[in-house]
Amino acid sequence: MKPKHVGLLSVIGSGAPASQQDVARTMGVVPSLVVTLADQLEELGAIDRVRDPDDRRRHRLGLTQEGRALLAECTARARALDEELTAGLSTAQRDALARAMGVLAREAGLP
């Protein structure tokens, strides 16, 4: 698993529109990368592809039970790492860091 795999799982798990094209726009990547990542996650049994009933040319991506468990595990590990990295900071410092990171993410155009 690479960060972009987790990003794809997160986007799909957020409940946002999940066509491969929509996901590419949300992630700010080319559609071919989403296809490659989706292929790999589908092989792991983490996602499934279903034809969009409104547009048969499109596939909608969904998390499987395995995908939801994998996303939960990745989220738990990320939170544990955040706790470890910020253990020496006060609550106020953690809050300030979170705000600063949010500003940087928005400026970079990250979702």
PDB file of N, CA and C in Angstrom:
ATOM      1  N   MET A   1       0.843  -1.180   0.000  1.00  0.00           N
ATOM      2  CA  MET A   1       0.000   0.000   0.000  1.00  0.00           C
ATOM      3  C   MET A   1       0.885   1.238   0.000  1.00  0.00           C
ATOM      4  N   LYS A   2       0.526   2.144  -0.875  1.00  0.00           N
ATOM      5  CA  LYS A   2       1.200   3.425  -0.960  1.00  0.00           C
ATOM      6  C   LYS A   2       0.204   4.520  -0.586  1.00  0.00           C
ATOM      7  N   PRO A   3       0.693   5.728  -0.275  1.00  0.00           N
ATOM      8  CA  PRO A   3      -0.235   6.798   0.112  1.00  0.00           C
ATOM      9  C   PRO A   3      -1.343   7.053  -0.903  1.00  0.00           C
ATOM     10  N   LYS A   4      -1.071   6.937  -2.185  1.00  0.00           N
ATOM     11  CA  LYS A   4      -2.116   7.180  -3.186  1.00  0.00           C
ATOM     12  C   LYS A   4      -3.202   6.105  -3.128  1.00  0.00           C
ATOM     13  N   HIS A   5      -2.834   4.873  -2.754  1.00  0.00           N
ATOM     14  CA  HIS A   5      -3.845   3.829  -2.573  1.00  0.00           C
ATOM     15  C   HIS A   5      -4.789   4.225  -1.440  1.00  0.00           C
ATOM     16  N   VAL A   6      -4.199   4.680  -0.330  1.00  0.00           N
ATOM     17  CA  VAL A   6      -5.014   5.089   0.815  1.00  0.00           C
ATOM     18  C   VAL A   6      -5.857   6.302   0.442  1.00  0.00           C
ATOM     19  N   GLY A   7      -5.279   7.213  -0.336  1.00  0.00           N
ATOM     20  CA  GLY A   7      -6.041   8.370  -0.807  1.00  0.00           C
ATOM     21  C   GLY A   7      -7.251   7.953  -1.609  1.00  0.00           C
ATOM     22  N   LEU A   8      -7.067   6.981  -2.491  1.00  0.00           N
ATOM     23  CA  LEU A   8      -8.183   6.490  -3.297  1.00  0.00           C
ATOM     24  C   LEU A   8      -9.240   5.843  -2.409  1.00  0.00           C
ATOM     25  N   LEU A   9      -8.812   5.027  -1.453  1.00  0.00           N
ATOM     26  CA  LEU A   9      -9.765   4.413  -0.524  1.00  0.00           C
ATOM     27  C   LEU A   9     -10.528   5.487   0.243  1.00  0.00           C
ATOM     28  N   SER A  10      -9.816   6.529   0.658  1.00  0.00           N
ATOM     29  CA  SER A  10     -10.454   7.614   1.415  1.00  0.00           C
ATOM     30  C   SER A  10     -11.489   8.355   0.585  1.00  0.00           C
ATOM     31  N   VAL A  11     -11.149   8.658  -0.654  1.00  0.00           N
ATOM     32  CA  VAL A  11     -12.092   9.367  -1.524  1.00  0.00           C
ATOM     33  C   VAL A  11     -13.340   8.513  -1.741  1.00  0.00           C
ATOM     34  N   ILE A  12     -13.129   7.241  -2.032  1.00  0.00           N
ATOM     35  CA  ILE A  12     -14.278   6.355  -2.255  1.00  0.00           C
ATOM     36  C   ILE A  12     -15.095   6.223  -0.972  1.00  0.00           C
ATOM     37  N   GLY A  13     -14.405   6.102   0.152  1.00  0.00           N
ATOM     38  CA  GLY A  13     -15.079   5.931   1.435  1.00  0.00           C
ATOM     39  C   GLY A  13     -15.778   7.176   1.948  1.00  0.00           C
ATOM     40  N   SER A  14     -15.471   8.329   1.360  1.00  0.00           N
ATOM     41  CA  SER A  14     -16.065   9.590   1.822  1.00  0.00           C
ATOM     42  C   SER A  14     -17.515   9.754   1.395  1.00  0.00           C
ATOM     43  N   GLY A  15     -17.940   8.922   0.458  1.00  0.00           N
ATOM     44  CA  GLY A  15     -19.307   9.033  -0.039  1.00  0.00           C
ATOM     45  C   GLY A  15     -19.442  10.011  -1.191  1.00  0.00           C
ATOM     46  N   ALA A  16     -18.319  10.602  -1.616  1.00  0.00           N
ATOM     47  CA  ALA A  16     -18.335  11.512  -2.762  1.00  0.00           C
ATOM     48  C   ALA A  16     -18.625  10.703  -4.029  1.00  0.00           C
ATOM     49  N   PRO A  17     -19.009  11.366  -5.106  1.00  0.00           N
ATOM     50  CA  PRO A  17     -19.208  10.634  -6.363  1.00  0.00           C
ATOM     51  C   PRO A  17     -17.983   9.774  -6.664  1.00  0.00           C
ATOM     52  N   ALA A  18     -18.204   8.565  -7.073  1.00  0.00           N
ATOM     53  CA  ALA A  18     -17.098   7.629  -7.164  1.00  0.00           C
ATOM     54  C   ALA A  18     -16.853   7.081  -8.564  1.00  0.00           C
ATOM     55  N   SER A  19     -17.181   7.846  -9.603  1.00  0.00           N
ATOM     56  CA  SER A  19     -16.757   7.373 -10.920  1.00  0.00           C
ATOM     57  C   SER A  19     -15.259   7.576 -10.994  1.00  0.00           C
ATOM     58  N   GLN A  20     -14.597   6.827 -11.823  1.00  0.00           N
ATOM     59  CA  GLN A  20     -13.142   6.938 -11.933  1.00  0.00           C
ATOM     60  C   GLN A  20     -12.748   8.361 -12.328  1.00  0.00           C
ATOM     61  N   GLN A  21     -13.524   8.998 -13.214  1.00  0.00           N
ATOM     62  CA  GLN A  21     -13.249  10.379 -13.625  1.00  0.00           C
ATOM     63  C   GLN A  21     -13.431  11.349 -12.454  1.00  0.00           C
ATOM     64  N   ASP A  22     -14.501  11.183 -11.697  1.00  0.00           N
ATOM     65  CA  ASP A  22     -14.750  12.056 -10.547  1.00  0.00           C
ATOM     66  C   ASP A  22     -13.644  11.912  -9.504  1.00  0.00           C
ATOM     67  N   VAL A  23     -13.235  10.690  -9.262  1.00  0.00           N
ATOM     68  CA  VAL A  23     -12.171  10.444  -8.286  1.00  0.00           C
ATOM     69  C   VAL A  23     -10.869  11.098  -8.747  1.00  0.00           C
ATOM     70  N   ALA A  24     -10.558  10.994 -10.021  1.00  0.00           N
ATOM     71  CA  ALA A  24      -9.339  11.620 -10.551  1.00  0.00           C
ATOM     72  C   ALA A  24      -9.369  13.123 -10.324  1.00  0.00           C
ATOM     73  N   ARG A  25     -10.535  13.750 -10.583  1.00  0.00           N
ATOM     74  CA  ARG A  25     -10.658  15.194 -10.355  1.00  0.00           C
ATOM     75  C   ARG A  25     -10.485  15.530  -8.878  1.00  0.00           C
ATOM     76  N   THR A  26     -11.114  14.769  -8.018  1.00  0.00           N
ATOM     77  CA  THR A  26     -11.026  15.015  -6.576  1.00  0.00           C
ATOM     78  C   THR A  26      -9.596  14.874  -6.078  1.00  0.00           C
ATOM     79  N   MET A  27      -8.892  13.850  -6.565  1.00  0.00           N
ATOM     80  CA  MET A  27      -7.519  13.610  -6.127  1.00  0.00           C
ATOM     81  C   MET A  27      -6.515  14.519  -6.835  1.00  0.00           C
ATOM     82  N   GLY A  28      -6.936  15.157  -7.918  1.00  0.00           N
ATOM     83  CA  GLY A  28      -6.021  16.005  -8.670  1.00  0.00           C
ATOM     84  C   GLY A  28      -4.968  15.226  -9.422  1.00  0.00           C
ATOM     85  N   VAL A  29      -5.368  14.061  -9.944  1.00  0.00           N
ATOM     86  CA  VAL A  29      -4.450  13.205 -10.690  1.00  0.00           C
ATOM     87  C   VAL A  29      -5.068  12.864 -12.047  1.00  0.00           C
ATOM     88  N   VAL A  30      -4.249  12.317 -12.917  1.00  0.00           N
ATOM     89  CA  VAL A  30      -4.764  11.910 -14.225  1.00  0.00           C
ATOM     90  C   VAL A  30      -5.626  10.659 -14.066  1.00  0.00           C
ATOM     91  N   PRO A  31      -6.663  10.517 -14.879  1.00  0.00           N
ATOM     92  CA  PRO A  31      -7.551   9.351 -14.767  1.00  0.00           C
ATOM     93  C   PRO A  31      -6.817   8.017 -14.894  1.00  0.00           C
ATOM     94  N   SER A  32      -5.773   7.968 -15.699  1.00  0.00           N
ATOM     95  CA  SER A  32      -5.065   6.695 -15.867  1.00  0.00           C
ATOM     96  C   SER A  32      -4.445   6.215 -14.558  1.00  0.00           C
ATOM     97  N   LEU A  33      -4.038   7.160 -13.680  1.00  0.00           N
ATOM     98  CA  LEU A  33      -3.495   6.756 -12.379  1.00  0.00           C
ATOM     99  C   LEU A  33      -4.589   6.126 -11.522  1.00  0.00           C
ATOM    100  N   VAL A  34      -5.781   6.706 -11.562  1.00  0.00           N
ATOM    101  CA  VAL A  34      -6.897   6.133 -10.805  1.00  0.00           C
ATOM    102  C   VAL A  34      -7.199   4.730 -11.300  1.00  0.00           C
ATOM    103  N   VAL A  35      -7.161   4.533 -12.607  1.00  0.00           N
ATOM    104  CA  VAL A  35      -7.414   3.203 -13.171  1.00  0.00           C
ATOM    105  C   VAL A  35      -6.376   2.213 -12.656  1.00  0.00           C
ATOM    106  N   THR A  36      -5.107   2.613 -12.667  1.00  0.00           N
ATOM    107  CA  THR A  36      -4.028   1.729 -12.195  1.00  0.00           C
ATOM    108  C   THR A  36      -4.197   1.408 -10.716  1.00  0.00           C
ATOM    109  N   LEU A  37      -4.433   2.438  -9.906  1.00  0.00           N
ATOM    110  CA  LEU A  37      -4.628   2.218  -8.470  1.00  0.00           C
ATOM    111  C   LEU A  37      -5.854   1.351  -8.212  1.00  0.00           C
ATOM    112  N   ALA A  38      -6.933   1.622  -8.944  1.00  0.00           N
ATOM    113  CA  ALA A  38      -8.161   0.838  -8.777  1.00  0.00           C
ATOM    114  C   ALA A  38      -7.934  -0.617  -9.164  1.00  0.00           C
ATOM    115  N   ASP A  39      -7.171  -0.843 -10.233  1.00  0.00           N
ATOM    116  CA  ASP A  39      -6.845  -2.225 -10.627  1.00  0.00           C
ATOM    117  C   ASP A  39      -6.152  -2.950  -9.481  1.00  0.00           C
ATOM    118  N   GLN A  40      -5.175  -2.280  -8.872  1.00  0.00           N
ATOM    119  CA  GLN A  40      -4.410  -2.899  -7.786  1.00  0.00           C
ATOM    120  C   GLN A  40      -5.278  -3.147  -6.561  1.00  0.00           C
ATOM    121  N   LEU A  41      -6.118  -2.180  -6.215  1.00  0.00           N
ATOM    122  CA  LEU A  41      -6.993  -2.357  -5.057  1.00  0.00           C
ATOM    123  C   LEU A  41      -8.076  -3.393  -5.317  1.00  0.00           C
ATOM    124  N   GLU A  42      -8.508  -3.494  -6.556  1.00  0.00           N
ATOM    125  CA  GLU A  42      -9.497  -4.522  -6.914  1.00  0.00           C
ATOM    126  C   GLU A  42      -8.877  -5.909  -6.767  1.00  0.00           C
ATOM    127  N   GLU A  43      -7.607  -6.041  -7.165  1.00  0.00           N
ATOM    128  CA  GLU A  43      -6.910  -7.328  -6.999  1.00  0.00           C
ATOM    129  C   GLU A  43      -6.814  -7.730  -5.536  1.00  0.00           C
ATOM    130  N   LEU A  44      -6.697  -6.740  -4.645  1.00  0.00           N
ATOM    131  CA  LEU A  44      -6.644  -7.012  -3.207  1.00  0.00           C
ATOM    132  C   LEU A  44      -8.025  -7.290  -2.615  1.00  0.00           C
ATOM    133  N   GLY A  45      -9.063  -7.061  -3.414  1.00  0.00           N
ATOM    134  CA  GLY A  45     -10.425  -7.250  -2.919  1.00  0.00           C
ATOM    135  C   GLY A  45     -10.921  -6.074  -2.100  1.00  0.00           C
ATOM    136  N   ALA A  46     -10.238  -4.916  -2.204  1.00  0.00           N
ATOM    137  CA  ALA A  46     -10.599  -3.752  -1.400  1.00  0.00           C
ATOM    138  C   ALA A  46     -11.680  -2.896  -2.041  1.00  0.00           C
ATOM    139  N   ILE A  47     -11.774  -2.926  -3.369  1.00  0.00           N
ATOM    140  CA  ILE A  47     -12.807  -2.146  -4.058  1.00  0.00           C
ATOM    141  C   ILE A  47     -13.469  -3.012  -5.112  1.00  0.00           C
ATOM    142  N   ASP A  48     -14.616  -2.542  -5.543  1.00  0.00           N
ATOM    143  CA  ASP A  48     -15.259  -3.186  -6.689  1.00  0.00           C
ATOM    144  C   ASP A  48     -15.677  -2.101  -7.670  1.00  0.00           C
ATOM    145  N   ARG A  49     -15.836  -2.508  -8.905  1.00  0.00           N
ATOM    146  CA  ARG A  49     -16.280  -1.611  -9.974  1.00  0.00           C
ATOM    147  C   ARG A  49     -17.643  -2.094 -10.447  1.00  0.00           C
ATOM    148  N   VAL A  50     -18.538  -1.131 -10.608  1.00  0.00           N
ATOM    149  CA  VAL A  50     -19.889  -1.438 -11.075  1.00  0.00           C
ATOM    150  C   VAL A  50     -20.210  -0.453 -12.189  1.00  0.00           C
ATOM    151  N   ARG A  51     -20.827  -0.931 -13.247  1.00  0.00           N
ATOM    152  CA  ARG A  51     -21.258  -0.028 -14.320  1.00  0.00           C
ATOM    153  C   ARG A  51     -22.240   0.990 -13.761  1.00  0.00           C
ATOM    154  N   ASP A  52     -22.053   2.230 -14.132  1.00  0.00           N
ATOM    155  CA  ASP A  52     -22.949   3.296 -13.723  1.00  0.00           C
ATOM    156  C   ASP A  52     -24.266   3.104 -14.483  1.00  0.00           C
ATOM    157  N   PRO A  53     -25.386   2.916 -13.782  1.00  0.00           N
ATOM    158  CA  PRO A  53     -26.657   2.683 -14.482  1.00  0.00           C
ATOM    159  C   PRO A  53     -27.112   3.889 -15.310  1.00  0.00           C
ATOM    160  N   ASP A  54     -26.629   5.087 -14.956  1.00  0.00           N
ATOM    161  CA  ASP A  54     -26.998   6.292 -15.700  1.00  0.00           C
ATOM    162  C   ASP A  54     -26.118   6.526 -16.924  1.00  0.00           C
ATOM    163  N   ASP A  55     -24.945   5.921 -16.938  1.00  0.00           N
ATOM    164  CA  ASP A  55     -24.011   6.083 -18.058  1.00  0.00           C
ATOM    165  C   ASP A  55     -23.180   4.811 -18.150  1.00  0.00           C
ATOM    166  N   ARG A  56     -23.566   3.908 -19.002  1.00  0.00           N
ATOM    167  CA  ARG A  56     -22.944   2.576 -19.091  1.00  0.00           C
ATOM    168  C   ARG A  56     -21.471   2.624 -19.499  1.00  0.00           C
ATOM    169  N   ARG A  57     -20.994   3.787 -19.945  1.00  0.00           N
ATOM    170  CA  ARG A  57     -19.576   3.900 -20.302  1.00  0.00           C
ATOM    171  C   ARG A  57     -18.702   4.083 -19.073  1.00  0.00           C
ATOM    172  N   ARG A  58     -19.319   4.466 -17.950  1.00  0.00           N
ATOM    173  CA  ARG A  58     -18.562   4.766 -16.731  1.00  0.00           C
ATOM    174  C   ARG A  58     -18.657   3.633 -15.732  1.00  0.00           C
ATOM    175  N   HIS A  59     -17.616   3.529 -14.911  1.00  0.00           N
ATOM    176  CA  HIS A  59     -17.611   2.619 -13.778  1.00  0.00           C
ATOM    177  C   HIS A  59     -17.662   3.431 -12.496  1.00  0.00           C
ATOM    178  N   ARG A  60     -18.426   2.944 -11.547  1.00  0.00           N
ATOM    179  CA  ARG A  60     -18.452   3.541 -10.216  1.00  0.00           C
ATOM    180  C   ARG A  60     -17.613   2.644  -9.314  1.00  0.00           C
ATOM    181  N   LEU A  61     -16.846   3.271  -8.440  1.00  0.00           N
ATOM    182  CA  LEU A  61     -15.980   2.542  -7.534  1.00  0.00           C
ATOM    183  C   LEU A  61     -16.626   2.490  -6.159  1.00  0.00           C
ATOM    184  N   GLY A  62     -16.544   1.343  -5.518  1.00  0.00           N
ATOM    185  CA  GLY A  62     -17.091   1.192  -4.173  1.00  0.00           C
ATOM    186  C   GLY A  62     -16.156   0.387  -3.302  1.00  0.00           C
ATOM    187  N   LEU A  63     -16.206   0.654  -2.007  1.00  0.00           N
ATOM    188  CA  LEU A  63     -15.406  -0.125  -1.069  1.00  0.00           C
ATOM    189  C   LEU A  63     -16.108  -1.443  -0.761  1.00  0.00           C
ATOM    190  N   THR A  64     -15.338  -2.482  -0.709  1.00  0.00           N
ATOM    191  CA  THR A  64     -15.849  -3.765  -0.244  1.00  0.00           C
ATOM    192  C   THR A  64     -15.696  -3.801   1.278  1.00  0.00           C
ATOM    193  N   GLN A  65     -16.172  -4.841   1.887  1.00  0.00           N
ATOM    194  CA  GLN A  65     -15.984  -5.006   3.332  1.00  0.00           C
ATOM    195  C   GLN A  65     -14.486  -5.017   3.647  1.00  0.00           C
ATOM    196  N   GLU A  66     -13.709  -5.706   2.825  1.00  0.00           N
ATOM    197  CA  GLU A  66     -12.250  -5.739   2.997  1.00  0.00           C
ATOM    198  C   GLU A  66     -11.667  -4.335   2.851  1.00  0.00           C
ATOM    199  N   GLY A  67     -12.175  -3.563   1.912  1.00  0.00           N
ATOM    200  CA  GLY A  67     -11.704  -2.196   1.701  1.00  0.00           C
ATOM    201  C   GLY A  67     -12.008  -1.300   2.886  1.00  0.00           C
ATOM    202  N   ARG A  68     -13.197  -1.453   3.466  1.00  0.00           N
ATOM    203  CA  ARG A  68     -13.537  -0.660   4.650  1.00  0.00           C
ATOM    204  C   ARG A  68     -12.624  -1.010   5.817  1.00  0.00           C
ATOM    205  N   ALA A  69     -12.333  -2.293   5.975  1.00  0.00           N
ATOM    206  CA  ALA A  69     -11.430  -2.724   7.049  1.00  0.00           C
ATOM    207  C   ALA A  69     -10.009  -2.204   6.803  1.00  0.00           C
ATOM    208  N   LEU A  70      -9.567  -2.255   5.562  1.00  0.00           N
ATOM    209  CA  LEU A  70      -8.231  -1.768   5.210  1.00  0.00           C
ATOM    210  C   LEU A  70      -8.126  -0.270   5.452  1.00  0.00           C
ATOM    211  N   LEU A  71      -9.142   0.492   5.060  1.00  0.00           N
ATOM    212  CA  LEU A  71      -9.147   1.936   5.287  1.00  0.00           C
ATOM    213  C   LEU A  71      -9.145   2.240   6.781  1.00  0.00           C
ATOM    214  N   ALA A  72      -9.918   1.509   7.549  1.00  0.00           N
ATOM    215  CA  ALA A  72      -9.951   1.712   9.006  1.00  0.00           C
ATOM    216  C   ALA A  72      -8.581   1.434   9.617  1.00  0.00           C
ATOM    217  N   GLU A  73      -7.920   0.388   9.156  1.00  0.00           N
ATOM    218  CA  GLU A  73      -6.584   0.060   9.667  1.00  0.00           C
ATOM    219  C   GLU A  73      -5.582   1.159   9.312  1.00  0.00           C
ATOM    220  N   CYS A  74      -5.628   1.640   8.084  1.00  0.00           N
ATOM    221  CA  CYS A  74      -4.721   2.718   7.658  1.00  0.00           C
ATOM    222  C   CYS A  74      -4.978   3.981   8.465  1.00  0.00           C
ATOM    223  N   THR A  75      -6.246   4.292   8.707  1.00  0.00           N
ATOM    224  CA  THR A  75      -6.606   5.476   9.480  1.00  0.00           C
ATOM    225  C   THR A  75      -6.099   5.350  10.918  1.00  0.00           C
ATOM    226  N   ALA A  76      -6.266   4.182  11.506  1.00  0.00           N
ATOM    227  CA  ALA A  76      -5.796   3.957  12.882  1.00  0.00           C
ATOM    228  C   ALA A  76      -4.278   4.082  12.964  1.00  0.00           C
ATOM    229  N   ARG A  77      -3.578   3.532  11.987  1.00  0.00           N
ATOM    230  CA  ARG A  77      -2.111   3.639  11.987  1.00  0.00           C
ATOM    231  C   ARG A  77      -1.656   5.082  11.810  1.00  0.00           C
ATOM    232  N   ALA A  78      -2.352   5.828  10.952  1.00  0.00           N
ATOM    233  CA  ALA A  78      -2.001   7.238  10.744  1.00  0.00           C
ATOM    234  C   ALA A  78      -2.221   8.038  12.030  1.00  0.00           C
ATOM    235  N   ARG A  79      -3.326   7.774  12.710  1.00  0.00           N
ATOM    236  CA  ARG A  79      -3.591   8.480  13.969  1.00  0.00           C
ATOM    237  C   ARG A  79      -2.536   8.139  15.016  1.00  0.00           C
ATOM    238  N   ALA A  80      -2.152   6.873  15.089  1.00  0.00           N
ATOM    239  CA  ALA A  80      -1.117   6.464  16.045  1.00  0.00           C
ATOM    240  C   ALA A  80       0.208   7.149  15.727  1.00  0.00           C
ATOM    241  N   LEU A  81       0.545   7.240  14.459  1.00  0.00           N
ATOM    242  CA  LEU A  81       1.772   7.911  14.058  1.00  0.00           C
ATOM    243  C   LEU A  81       1.700   9.404  14.385  1.00  0.00           C
ATOM    244  N   ASP A  82       0.550  10.020  14.130  1.00  0.00           N
ATOM    245  CA  ASP A  82       0.372  11.429  14.495  1.00  0.00           C
ATOM    246  C   ASP A  82       0.585  11.630  15.990  1.00  0.00           C
ATOM    247  N   GLU A  83       0.010  10.752  16.792  1.00  0.00           N
ATOM    248  CA  GLU A  83       0.166  10.841  18.245  1.00  0.00           C
ATOM    249  C   GLU A  83       1.640  10.710  18.648  1.00  0.00           C
ATOM    250  N   GLU A  84       2.323   9.774  18.031  1.00  0.00           N
ATOM    251  CA  GLU A  84       3.738   9.556  18.339  1.00  0.00           C
ATOM    252  C   GLU A  84       4.576  10.778  17.950  1.00  0.00           C
ATOM    253  N   LEU A  85       4.327  11.318  16.765  1.00  0.00           N
ATOM    254  CA  LEU A  85       5.122  12.442  16.275  1.00  0.00           C
ATOM    255  C   LEU A  85       4.857  13.733  17.042  1.00  0.00           C
ATOM    256  N   THR A  86       3.655  13.884  17.584  1.00  0.00           N
ATOM    257  CA  THR A  86       3.303  15.129  18.273  1.00  0.00           C
ATOM    258  C   THR A  86       3.246  14.963  19.789  1.00  0.00           C
ATOM    259  N   ALA A  87       3.764  13.860  20.302  1.00  0.00           N
ATOM    260  CA  ALA A  87       3.685  13.574  21.737  1.00  0.00           C
ATOM    261  C   ALA A  87       4.322  14.668  22.587  1.00  0.00           C
ATOM    262  N   GLY A  88       5.362  15.304  22.086  1.00  0.00           N
ATOM    263  CA  GLY A  88       6.050  16.336  22.855  1.00  0.00           C
ATOM    264  C   GLY A  88       5.416  17.706  22.776  1.00  0.00           C
ATOM    265  N   LEU A  89       4.317  17.844  22.041  1.00  0.00           N
ATOM    266  CA  LEU A  89       3.653  19.131  21.879  1.00  0.00           C
ATOM    267  C   LEU A  89       2.499  19.273  22.861  1.00  0.00           C
ATOM    268  N   SER A  90       2.264  20.512  23.272  1.00  0.00           N
ATOM    269  CA  SER A  90       1.097  20.784  24.109  1.00  0.00           C
ATOM    270  C   SER A  90      -0.148  20.731  23.227  1.00  0.00           C
ATOM    271  N   THR A  91      -1.298  20.739  23.858  1.00  0.00           N
ATOM    272  CA  THR A  91      -2.555  20.754  23.104  1.00  0.00           C
ATOM    273  C   THR A  91      -2.628  21.984  22.208  1.00  0.00           C
ATOM    274  N   ALA A  92      -2.217  23.121  22.726  1.00  0.00           N
ATOM    275  CA  ALA A  92      -2.239  24.361  21.933  1.00  0.00           C
ATOM    276  C   ALA A  92      -1.299  24.241  20.731  1.00  0.00           C
ATOM    277  N   GLN A  93      -0.141  23.644  20.939  1.00  0.00           N
ATOM    278  CA  GLN A  93       0.803  23.479  19.837  1.00  0.00           C
ATOM    279  C   GLN A  93       0.267  22.502  18.795  1.00  0.00           C
ATOM    280  N   ARG A  94      -0.386  21.449  19.248  1.00  0.00           N
ATOM    281  CA  ARG A  94      -0.992  20.493  18.306  1.00  0.00           C
ATOM    282  C   ARG A  94      -2.078  21.176  17.477  1.00  0.00           C
ATOM    283  N   ASP A  95      -2.903  21.976  18.137  1.00  0.00           N
ATOM    284  CA  ASP A  95      -3.960  22.701  17.437  1.00  0.00           C
ATOM    285  C   ASP A  95      -3.370  23.667  16.409  1.00  0.00           C
ATOM    286  N   ALA A  96      -2.308  24.380  16.790  1.00  0.00           N
ATOM    287  CA  ALA A  96      -1.659  25.321  15.877  1.00  0.00           C
ATOM    288  C   ALA A  96      -1.061  24.580  14.689  1.00  0.00           C
ATOM    289  N   LEU A  97      -0.457  23.430  14.941  1.00  0.00           N
ATOM    290  CA  LEU A  97       0.117  22.627  13.858  1.00  0.00           C
ATOM    291  C   LEU A  97      -0.980  22.159  12.907  1.00  0.00           C
ATOM    292  N   ALA A  98      -2.089  21.706  13.457  1.00  0.00           N
ATOM    293  CA  ALA A  98      -3.204  21.239  12.620  1.00  0.00           C
ATOM    294  C   ALA A  98      -3.744  22.377  11.753  1.00  0.00           C
ATOM    295  N   ARG A  99      -3.879  23.565  12.328  1.00  0.00           N
ATOM    296  CA  ARG A  99      -4.347  24.711  11.546  1.00  0.00           C
ATOM    297  C   ARG A  99      -3.350  25.054  10.443  1.00  0.00           C
ATOM    298  N   ALA A 100      -2.065  25.066  10.771  1.00  0.00           N
ATOM    299  CA  ALA A 100      -1.033  25.385   9.777  1.00  0.00           C
ATOM    300  C   ALA A 100      -1.021  24.354   8.657  1.00  0.00           C
ATOM    301  N   MET A 101      -1.141  23.099   8.991  1.00  0.00           N
ATOM    302  CA  MET A 101      -1.161  22.050   7.970  1.00  0.00           C
ATOM    303  C   MET A 101      -2.400  22.182   7.089  1.00  0.00           C
ATOM    304  N   GLY A 102      -3.520  22.573   7.682  1.00  0.00           N
ATOM    305  CA  GLY A 102      -4.737  22.792   6.904  1.00  0.00           C
ATOM    306  C   GLY A 102      -4.565  23.912   5.892  1.00  0.00           C
ATOM    307  N   VAL A 103      -3.909  24.986   6.309  1.00  0.00           N
ATOM    308  CA  VAL A 103      -3.650  26.107   5.397  1.00  0.00           C
ATOM    309  C   VAL A 103      -2.761  25.647   4.250  1.00  0.00           C
ATOM    310  N   LEU A 104      -1.686  24.936   4.591  1.00  0.00           N
ATOM    311  CA  LEU A 104      -0.773  24.450   3.546  1.00  0.00           C
ATOM    312  C   LEU A 104      -1.487  23.513   2.573  1.00  0.00           C
ATOM    313  N   ALA A 105      -2.329  22.640   3.085  1.00  0.00           N
ATOM    314  CA  ALA A 105      -3.062  21.702   2.228  1.00  0.00           C
ATOM    315  C   ALA A 105      -3.997  22.456   1.286  1.00  0.00           C
ATOM    316  N   ARG A 106      -4.730  23.424   1.802  1.00  0.00           N
ATOM    317  CA  ARG A 106      -5.640  24.208   0.960  1.00  0.00           C
ATOM    318  C   ARG A 106      -4.870  24.970  -0.122  1.00  0.00           C
ATOM    319  N   GLU A 107      -3.740  25.568   0.265  1.00  0.00           N
ATOM    320  CA  GLU A 107      -2.942  26.315  -0.698  1.00  0.00           C
ATOM    321  C   GLU A 107      -2.378  25.411  -1.794  1.00  0.00           C
ATOM    322  N   ALA A 108      -2.141  24.154  -1.432  1.00  0.00           N
ATOM    323  CA  ALA A 108      -1.631  23.194  -2.411  1.00  0.00           C
ATOM    324  C   ALA A 108      -2.760  22.575  -3.249  1.00  0.00           C
ATOM    325  N   GLY A 109      -4.011  22.929  -2.908  1.00  0.00           N
ATOM    326  CA  GLY A 109      -5.148  22.401  -3.651  1.00  0.00           C
ATOM    327  C   GLY A 109      -5.522  20.985  -3.275  1.00  0.00           C
ATOM    328  N   LEU A 110      -5.110  20.559  -2.083  1.00  0.00           N
ATOM    329  CA  LEU A 110      -5.435  19.200  -1.637  1.00  0.00           C
ATOM    330  C   LEU A 110      -6.835  19.171  -1.059  1.00  0.00           C
ATOM    331  N   PRO A 111      -7.521  18.035  -1.236  1.00  0.00           N
ATOM    332  CA  PRO A 111      -8.886  17.955  -0.689  1.00  0.00           C
ATOM    333  C   PRO A 111      -8.885  17.881   0.828  1.00  0.00           C
TER     334      PRO A 111
END
